[in-house]
C-alpha atoms as a PDB file:
ATOM      1  CA  MET A   1     111.123  75.339 120.998  1.00  0.00           C
ATOM      2  CA  THR A   2     110.121  71.994 122.361  1.00  0.00           C
ATOM      3  CA  GLY A   3     110.158  69.995 119.189  1.00  0.00           C
ATOM      4  CA  ASN A   4     108.245  69.818 115.975  1.00  0.00           C
ATOM      5  CA  GLN A   5     104.799  70.738 117.319  1.00  0.00           C
ATOM      6  CA  GLU A   6     102.852  73.255 115.297  1.00  0.00           C
ATOM      7  CA  THR A   7     100.610  75.186 117.663  1.00  0.00           C
ATOM      8  CA  ASN A   8      99.918  78.828 118.202  1.00  0.00           C
ATOM      9  CA  LEU A   9     100.317  80.868 121.371  1.00  0.00           C
ATOM     10  CA  ALA A  10      96.844  79.891 122.584  1.00  0.00           C
ATOM     11  CA  GLY A  11      97.801  76.220 122.381  1.00  0.00           C
ATOM     12  CA  ARG A  12      95.121  75.241 119.890  1.00  0.00           C
ATOM     13  CA  GLU A  13      95.726  73.286 116.724  1.00  0.00           C
ATOM     14  CA  GLU A  14      95.518  75.159 113.468  1.00  0.00           C
ATOM     15  CA  ILE A  15      93.699  73.861 110.420  1.00  0.00           C
ATOM     16  CA  ILE A  16      95.471  74.798 107.222  1.00  0.00           C
ATOM     17  CA  GLY A  17      93.037  75.906 104.579  1.00  0.00           C
ATOM     18  CA  ARG A  18      93.377  77.095 101.038  1.00  0.00           C
ATOM     19  CA  LYS A  19      96.010  79.672 100.120  1.00  0.00           C
ATOM     20  CA  TYR A  20      94.645  83.207 100.138  1.00  0.00           C
ATOM     21  CA  PRO A  21      94.858  84.866  96.691  1.00  0.00           C
ATOM     22  CA  ILE A  22      96.703  88.000  97.850  1.00  0.00           C
ATOM     23  CA  ILE A  23      97.431  88.866  94.232  1.00  0.00           C
ATOM     24  CA  LEU A  24      93.736  89.707  93.764  1.00  0.00           C
ATOM     25  CA  GLU A  25      93.859  92.307  96.543  1.00  0.00           C
ATOM     26  CA  ARG A  26      97.055  93.774  95.156  1.00  0.00           C
ATOM     27  CA  ILE A  27      95.485  94.093  91.711  1.00  0.00           C
ATOM     28  CA  LEU A  28      92.411  95.639  93.333  1.00  0.00           C
ATOM     29  CA  PHE A  29      94.539  98.191  95.202  1.00  0.00           C
ATOM     30  CA  LEU A  30      96.468  99.016  92.034  1.00  0.00           C
ATOM     31  CA  GLY A  31      93.117  99.553  90.298  1.00  0.00           C
ATOM     32  CA  VAL A  32      92.055 101.952  93.073  1.00  0.00           C
ATOM     33  CA  VAL A  33      95.258 103.962  92.661  1.00  0.00           C
ATOM     34  CA  ILE A  34      94.767 104.118  88.883  1.00  0.00           C
ATOM     35  CA  ILE A  35      91.118 105.158  89.273  1.00  0.00           C
ATOM     36  CA  PHE A  36      92.168 107.920  91.663  1.00  0.00           C
ATOM     37  CA  ILE A  37      94.882 109.182  89.315  1.00  0.00           C
ATOM     38  CA  LEU A  38      92.536 109.177  86.327  1.00  0.00           C
ATOM     39  CA  GLY A  39      89.451 110.419  88.174  1.00  0.00           C
ATOM     40  CA  TYR A  40      90.570 113.089  90.611  1.00  0.00           C
ATOM     41  CA  GLN A  41      90.432 115.847  87.979  1.00  0.00           C
ATOM     42  CA  GLU A  42      86.851 114.961  87.052  1.00  0.00           C
ATOM     43  CA  VAL A  43      85.817 114.901  90.721  1.00  0.00           C
ATOM     44  CA  SER A  44      87.515 118.250  91.224  1.00  0.00           C
ATOM     45  CA  ASP A  45      85.729 119.723  88.200  1.00  0.00           C
ATOM     46  CA  LYS A  46      82.300 118.433  89.292  1.00  0.00           C
ATOM     47  CA  THR A  47      82.602 119.741  92.856  1.00  0.00           C
ATOM     48  CA  GLY A  48      83.502 123.295  91.885  1.00  0.00           C
ATOM     49  CA  GLU A  49      86.105 125.417  93.629  1.00  0.00           C
ATOM     50  CA  GLY A  50      87.050 126.125  97.193  1.00  0.00           C
ATOM     51  CA  VAL A  51      87.281 124.084 100.356  1.00  0.00           C
ATOM     52  CA  VAL A  52      84.458 121.724  99.377  1.00  0.00           C
ATOM     53  CA  SER A  53      86.300 120.783  96.201  1.00  0.00           C
ATOM     54  CA  LEU A  54      89.543 120.157  98.080  1.00  0.00           C
ATOM     55  CA  VAL A  55      87.853 118.010 100.727  1.00  0.00           C
ATOM     56  CA  SER A  56      85.850 116.091  98.118  1.00  0.00           C
ATOM     57  CA  THR A  57      88.816 115.479  95.837  1.00  0.00           C
ATOM     58  CA  TRP A  58      91.547 114.699  98.350  1.00  0.00           C
ATOM     59  CA  CYS A  59      89.570 113.183 101.264  1.00  0.00           C
ATOM     60  CA  LEU A  60      86.149 111.836 100.306  1.00  0.00           C
ATOM     61  CA  PHE A  61      87.024 110.439  96.864  1.00  0.00           C
ATOM     62  CA  PRO A  62      90.040 108.392  98.096  1.00  0.00           C
ATOM     63  CA  PHE A  63      88.039 107.301 101.157  1.00  0.00           C
ATOM     64  CA  VAL A  64      85.194 105.975  99.004  1.00  0.00           C
ATOM     65  CA  LEU A  65      87.660 104.194  96.716  1.00  0.00           C
ATOM     66  CA  LEU A  66      89.560 102.571  99.600  1.00  0.00           C
ATOM     67  CA  PHE A  67      86.325 101.651 101.388  1.00  0.00           C
ATOM     68  CA  SER A  68      85.061  99.990  98.212  1.00  0.00           C
ATOM     69  CA  ALA A  69      88.343  98.116  97.801  1.00  0.00           C
ATOM     70  CA  GLU A  70      88.159  96.923 101.417  1.00  0.00           C
ATOM     71  CA  MET A  71      84.604  95.652 100.978  1.00  0.00           C
ATOM     72  CA  ILE A  72      85.516  93.838  97.760  1.00  0.00           C
ATOM     73  CA  GLY A  73      88.536  92.360  99.573  1.00  0.00           C
ATOM     74  CA  ARG A  74      86.271  91.083 102.328  1.00  0.00           C
ATOM     75  CA  VAL A  75      84.020  89.476  99.740  1.00  0.00           C
ATOM     76  CA  ILE A  76      87.101  87.769  98.264  1.00  0.00           C
ATOM     77  CA  GLN A  77      88.017  86.558 101.760  1.00  0.00           C
ATOM     78  CA  ALA A  78      84.499  85.246 102.349  1.00  0.00           C
ATOM     79  CA  ILE A  79      84.531  83.361  99.063  1.00  0.00           C
ATOM     80  CA  ASN A  80      87.886  81.739  99.887  1.00  0.00           C
ATOM     81  CA  ARG A  81      86.949  80.775 103.438  1.00  0.00           C
ATOM     82  CA  ASP A  82      86.483  77.073 104.010  1.00  0.00           C
END
C-alpha cells in the first residue's frame, strides 16, 4: 500500500456511519428457524397429504419465512441508514 490512506477501489472517500446492528438480523434468523421447527407440522396438517403438502411444507413455508425475514432486515437497514 502507499501509506495510510483509506480509500476503496473506486478511489472515493468513504463516510463511516453508525455500526449496523447485525445481532438483530441474527436474532431474526434464529426466530425464523424456530418458527419453522414449531410450525411445519401445522402447515403439513393444514395442507393435507401428497405432493401439495410436501411442496407447501418444505418449499413455500420456508420461502415465506425467509422472505419475511429479509424484508424485516431491509427495514432495519433503512432505519439505521444515515
